[in-house]
Structures are given as C-alpha cells and as structure tokens.
C-alpha cells in the first residue's frame, strides 16, 4: 500500500535506535491545541519536550516527525498491563483536533482515511496485535482524554485496527444507567484489568479517584454516547465481551 508522507522532523526523541521487534503498540492522540500550526510548532520545538512519529493534518496530509526506530516523546507517564512508560514500545500518531479544551470536534474524513492507510502499513510492518492499538487516555487515564469519544474506534476495528465489542447497540441501550451490585462491580474492574487497564485497590480515596478516570477512559473508548464515570450494566456487559477478546 503506497502512501505519500512528507517530512517535518522534530528533535525531541531518544538518540539510540531501538530494534523493530520492540515496537508493540500504536498509540493514537489528538493534538488538543487551538490550531494546526500551533500543534506542529509544539511538536517540532526542541523546548517543548514532546513529539510524535506521525502527524495527520485536517486535510489528511501525513508528516513524519520522528522515524519509527527512534523513541518519540508522546506517551509520557503511562501504563498498560505489565508495560510502563510506553514511549519505548510504541509508535505515536498525532491527529490534528482542538480537543476538549478548545471546542472538540469530529475528525475529518480525510484524517480517518489517512489514519487507516498508515495504521495498516505499520501493523503489517511491525506485526502489531490489534489489542495493542490504544488511545492516549487508555494508557494515561488520569492525565489524558484523547483521542476522545468522537474518535471512530468502531469504524477502525472493522478494518482490523483495534478491537471493539460484538454486542447489539439496541440490547446495550436497555441496560444503560441500570445499577450494578457489588459483585458485578468487582467483576467489571477485573474485566478492565484483563483488557489492560491498571486498576488500583479502591480502599484508598485517591485510588478511587484514579479508577474513576479509568472508567471514563473505558467509556470514551467503548461506550462513547455517555461518558460519566459511572459503572452501569451496559458498561459491565461491554467489559465482559471485551475481556474475552483482549485475553
């Protein structure tokens, strides 16, 4: 699959090359800045300490900012299953979008088409498992909301990019806002651990707050119509379905 990619290099990367087998994850981001030029300037400014491997403009044009085999600074403090600091193991793709702080909007059709083409190339080249294709909020839920609830995870999953549940939307909506008992809540958190989210014991108040961020991250990814941080039966059913796929 041929894809035209432009160069706009950033100095923000680790100088030592990694082996291609170390690349296990694709991480999707939105830029979260007022406009595209500000986002590009930040990602290429050596004083910002942030970067990515690929940047997708609103018109769908793709720029490479850090070559694949160098570690870009996009994930920050992050966790997924037994992995920590996922920069070392991932390729980061930034998609221009103002994000939640600046009138968050749908991603453009051109952006998604480019993302699908680019992702398929990277998945094949580095043999990336579908369950290792994640959003920034999945791996850093207490800090990040991107790529957010308007990101078309379901659409991408149909092309083998990331995983999605296989449940009927009609059936799920009947269970929205239906309360769970304590046993099912425990199973829900166990399911999230199986998926890859790092859950903390809930006796501590700070841990409960952290887990609430994880619930919102889960909802932004898999129950995008309602992101409220509250566990209901709809979330429970989705988590059961996904736990089998991610295991």
Protein backbone atom coordinates (compact mmCIF):
# COMPACT_ATOMS: atom_id res chain seq x y z
CA UNK A 1 0.00 0.00 0.00
CA UNK A 2 1.59 3.27 -1.14
CA UNK A 3 1.08 6.40 0.90
CA UNK A 4 2.62 9.82 0.38
CA UNK A 5 4.27 11.02 3.59
CA UNK A 6 6.03 14.37 4.00
CA UNK A 7 8.92 15.12 6.35
CA UNK A 8 8.80 17.65 9.19
CA UNK A 9 11.32 16.38 11.69
CA UNK A 10 11.34 17.02 15.42
CA UNK A 11 14.47 16.99 17.60
CA UNK A 12 12.50 15.51 20.50
CA UNK A 13 13.46 11.84 20.55
CA UNK A 14 15.88 9.42 22.18
CA UNK A 15 19.13 9.23 20.14
CA UNK A 16 19.61 5.47 20.49
CA UNK A 17 17.77 3.36 17.93
CA UNK A 18 15.54 0.52 19.05
CA UNK A 19 15.06 -2.82 17.30
CA UNK A 20 11.88 -3.16 15.27
CA UNK A 21 10.75 -6.08 17.48
CA UNK A 22 10.50 -3.65 20.43
CA UNK A 23 7.61 -1.87 18.73
CA UNK A 24 4.48 -3.44 20.22
CA UNK A 25 1.88 -0.65 20.29
CA UNK A 26 0.21 2.03 18.19
CA UNK A 27 -0.96 4.98 20.30
CA UNK A 28 -3.45 7.49 18.87
CA UNK A 29 -3.62 11.09 20.11
CA UNK A 30 -5.35 14.31 19.30
CA UNK A 31 -3.23 17.47 19.42
CA UNK A 32 -5.53 19.39 21.80
CA UNK A 33 -4.40 22.81 20.58
CA UNK A 34 -6.31 25.77 19.13
CA UNK A 35 -4.98 25.38 15.62
CA UNK A 36 -2.85 23.17 13.42
CA UNK A 37 0.17 25.48 13.15
CA UNK A 38 0.43 25.74 16.95
CA UNK A 39 0.32 21.96 17.21
CA UNK A 40 3.06 21.49 14.61
CA UNK A 41 5.22 24.16 16.25
CA UNK A 42 4.93 22.50 19.64
CA UNK A 43 5.72 19.01 18.34
CA UNK A 44 8.81 20.24 16.48
CA UNK A 45 10.09 22.76 19.06
CA UNK A 46 13.02 21.28 20.98
CA UNK A 47 11.99 23.24 24.08
CA UNK A 48 8.59 21.53 24.33
CA UNK A 49 9.91 18.03 25.15
CA UNK A 50 7.06 16.43 23.18
CA UNK A 51 6.86 14.85 19.74
CA UNK A 52 5.30 12.02 17.79
CA UNK A 53 6.21 9.73 14.94
CA UNK A 54 3.44 10.85 12.60
CA UNK A 55 1.23 13.92 12.38
CA UNK A 56 -2.04 13.93 10.43
CA UNK A 57 -3.33 17.31 9.30
CA UNK A 58 -7.02 18.19 8.97
CA UNK A 59 -6.78 17.71 5.19
CA UNK A 60 -5.36 14.20 5.71
CA UNK A 61 -1.76 15.04 4.83
CA UNK A 62 0.73 12.98 6.84
CA UNK A 63 4.09 14.19 8.12
CA UNK A 64 6.77 12.04 9.72
CA UNK A 65 8.30 13.84 12.70
CA UNK A 66 10.37 11.06 14.24
CA UNK A 67 11.47 7.95 12.30
CA UNK A 68 9.91 4.71 13.57
CA UNK A 69 13.04 3.21 15.09
CA UNK A 70 13.66 6.17 17.38
CA UNK A 71 11.68 6.68 20.58
CA UNK A 72 9.42 9.74 20.28
CA UNK A 73 8.11 11.58 23.35
CA UNK A 74 4.36 11.19 23.04
CA UNK A 75 3.05 8.87 25.76
CA UNK A 76 4.67 10.30 28.89
CA UNK A 77 3.92 8.59 32.19
CA UNK A 78 1.85 5.61 31.06
CA UNK A 79 0.84 2.04 31.92
CA UNK A 80 -0.80 -0.85 30.11
CA UNK A 81 -0.83 -4.38 31.51
CA UNK A 82 2.80 -5.02 32.53
CA UNK A 83 4.23 -2.21 30.41
CA UNK A 84 5.30 1.13 31.87
CA UNK A 85 6.46 4.25 30.02
CA UNK A 86 5.11 3.13 26.67
CA UNK A 87 7.22 5.52 24.58
CA UNK A 88 9.85 2.80 24.35
CA UNK A 89 7.44 0.25 22.91
CA UNK A 90 5.16 2.32 20.71
CA UNK A 91 4.61 4.46 17.66
CA UNK A 92 2.67 7.65 18.39
CA UNK A 93 0.30 9.21 15.86
CA UNK A 94 -1.00 12.74 16.49
CA UNK A 95 -4.19 13.77 14.70
CA UNK A 96 -4.94 17.47 14.50
CA UNK A 97 -8.02 18.27 16.58
CA UNK A 98 -8.58 21.09 19.12
CA UNK A 99 -9.69 18.58 21.74
CA UNK A 100 -11.87 19.01 24.81
CA UNK A 101 -10.34 22.33 25.87
CA UNK A 102 -10.87 24.08 22.54
CA UNK A 103 -14.23 23.03 21.06
CA UNK A 104 -13.60 19.32 20.45
CA UNK A 105 -14.98 18.24 17.07
CA UNK A 106 -15.29 15.21 14.83
CA UNK A 107 -12.19 14.09 12.98
CA UNK A 108 -12.31 14.80 9.26
CA UNK A 109 -13.00 12.08 6.72
CA UNK A 110 -9.58 12.70 5.14
CA UNK A 111 -7.86 12.31 8.50
CA UNK A 112 -9.50 8.96 9.18
CA UNK A 113 -8.80 7.66 5.69
CA UNK A 114 -5.13 8.58 6.08
CA UNK A 115 -5.00 7.09 9.56
CA UNK A 116 -6.44 3.79 8.33
CA UNK A 117 -3.91 3.55 5.49
CA UNK A 118 -0.97 4.48 7.72
CA UNK A 119 -2.04 2.15 10.53
CA UNK A 120 -2.38 -0.83 8.20
CA UNK A 121 1.15 -0.26 6.92
CA UNK A 122 2.57 -0.04 10.45
CA UNK A 123 0.58 -3.02 11.73
CA UNK A 124 1.92 -5.19 8.92
CA UNK A 125 5.49 -3.87 9.13
CA UNK A 126 5.83 -4.35 12.90
CA UNK A 127 3.34 -7.19 13.39
CA UNK A 128 1.30 -5.17 15.89
CA UNK A 129 -1.51 -7.07 17.57
CA UNK A 130 -4.98 -5.47 17.33
CA UNK A 131 -5.30 -5.46 21.13
CA UNK A 132 -2.19 -3.26 21.31
CA UNK A 133 -3.74 -0.39 19.37
CA UNK A 134 -4.71 2.15 22.01
CA UNK A 135 -5.63 5.74 22.76
CA UNK A 136 -3.59 8.06 24.95
CA UNK A 137 -6.39 8.04 27.54
CA UNK A 138 -6.17 4.24 27.76
CA UNK A 139 -2.58 4.36 28.95
CA UNK A 140 -2.70 7.65 30.91
CA UNK A 141 -6.33 7.97 32.06
CA UNK A 142 -5.69 10.35 34.95
CA UNK A 143 -3.98 12.87 32.63
CA UNK A 144 -5.44 12.48 29.17
CA UNK A 145 -8.79 12.36 27.34
CA UNK A 146 -7.52 11.89 23.80
CA UNK A 147 -8.34 10.85 21.19
CA UNK A 148 -11.74 11.12 22.89
CA UNK A 149 -15.29 9.93 22.44
CA UNK A 150 -15.58 11.28 18.88
CA UNK A 151 -12.76 9.09 17.65
CA UNK A 152 -14.21 6.33 15.38
CA UNK A 153 -12.87 3.24 17.13
CA UNK A 154 -15.75 1.09 15.88
CA UNK A 155 -15.09 2.07 12.26
CA UNK A 156 -11.38 1.37 12.60
CA UNK A 157 -11.98 -2.02 14.20
CA UNK A 158 -13.83 -3.17 11.08
CA UNK A 159 -10.55 -2.78 9.21
CA UNK A 160 -8.56 -4.67 11.84
CA UNK A 161 -7.31 -1.55 13.60
CA UNK A 162 -8.02 -2.02 17.30
CA UNK A 163 -10.73 -4.07 18.97
CA UNK A 164 -14.41 -3.38 19.55
CA UNK A 165 -17.17 -5.31 21.29
CA UNK A 166 -19.55 -7.52 19.33
CA UNK A 167 -22.78 -6.66 21.16
CA UNK A 168 -26.01 -5.22 19.78
CA UNK A 169 -26.36 -1.48 20.38
CA UNK A 170 -30.12 -1.92 20.79
CA UNK A 171 -29.64 -4.53 23.52
CA UNK A 172 -26.98 -2.47 25.27
CA UNK A 173 -29.07 0.68 25.48
CA UNK A 174 -31.69 -1.19 27.51
CA UNK A 175 -29.03 -1.64 30.20
CA UNK A 176 -27.76 1.93 30.22
CA UNK A 177 -27.93 3.51 33.71
CA UNK A 178 -29.06 0.19 35.24
CA UNK A 179 -27.22 -0.09 38.56
CA UNK A 180 -24.83 -2.93 39.39
CA UNK A 181 -24.49 -4.91 42.58
CA UNK A 182 -21.16 -5.09 44.41
CA UNK A 183 -20.22 -8.48 42.94
CA UNK A 184 -20.71 -7.30 39.36
CA UNK A 185 -18.73 -4.13 40.08
CA UNK A 186 -15.80 -6.28 41.19
CA UNK A 187 -16.13 -8.37 38.02
CA UNK A 188 -16.20 -5.17 35.96
CA UNK A 189 -12.89 -3.99 37.42
CA UNK A 190 -11.43 -7.47 36.92
CA UNK A 191 -12.51 -7.28 33.26
CA UNK A 192 -10.79 -3.91 32.90
CA UNK A 193 -7.59 -5.46 34.25
CA UNK A 194 -7.87 -8.27 31.70
CA UNK A 195 -8.30 -5.69 28.94
CA UNK A 196 -5.14 -3.93 30.08
CA UNK A 197 -6.13 -1.01 32.30
CA UNK A 198 -4.10 -0.79 35.51
CA UNK A 199 -6.64 -0.80 38.37
CA UNK A 200 -5.78 0.24 41.93
CA UNK A 201 -7.31 -1.10 45.14
CA UNK A 202 -10.33 1.05 45.98
CA UNK A 203 -9.94 1.33 49.78
CA UNK A 204 -7.86 4.47 49.29
CA UNK A 205 -9.71 7.67 48.26
CA UNK A 206 -7.02 8.69 45.75
CA UNK A 207 -7.18 5.23 44.22
CA UNK A 208 -10.95 5.53 43.85
CA UNK A 209 -10.46 8.83 42.03
CA UNK A 210 -7.86 7.21 39.77
CA UNK A 211 -10.18 4.30 38.98
CA UNK A 212 -12.92 6.78 38.10
CA UNK A 213 -10.61 8.21 35.43
CA UNK A 214 -10.13 4.69 34.13
CA UNK A 215 -13.91 4.16 33.89
CA UNK A 216 -14.17 7.37 31.85
CA UNK A 217 -11.32 6.24 29.61
CA UNK A 218 -13.10 2.93 29.07
CA UNK A 219 -16.31 4.78 28.20
CA UNK A 220 -14.57 7.18 25.81
CA UNK A 221 -13.24 4.13 24.01
CA UNK A 222 -16.09 1.63 24.13
CA UNK A 223 -19.29 3.44 25.27
CA UNK A 224 -18.91 6.79 23.59
CA UNK A 225 -22.50 8.02 23.82
CA UNK A 226 -22.30 8.56 27.59
CA UNK A 227 -19.05 9.36 29.40
CA UNK A 228 -19.98 9.94 33.04
CA UNK A 229 -17.57 7.78 35.05
CA UNK A 230 -20.46 5.73 36.47
CA UNK A 231 -20.47 1.96 36.11
CA UNK A 232 -23.79 0.61 34.86
CA UNK A 233 -24.92 -2.70 33.40
CA UNK A 234 -24.19 -1.55 29.85
CA UNK A 235 -20.55 -0.96 30.77
CA UNK A 236 -20.49 -4.30 32.59
CA UNK A 237 -21.77 -6.22 29.53
CA UNK A 238 -19.30 -4.49 27.22
CA UNK A 239 -16.42 -5.26 29.59
CA UNK A 240 -17.40 -8.95 29.72
CA UNK A 241 -17.40 -9.15 25.94
CA UNK A 242 -14.07 -7.33 25.57
CA UNK A 243 -12.27 -9.26 28.31
CA UNK A 244 -12.55 -12.38 26.15
CA UNK A 245 -11.10 -10.57 23.12
CA UNK A 246 -8.19 -8.91 24.93
CA UNK A 247 -7.09 -12.02 26.85
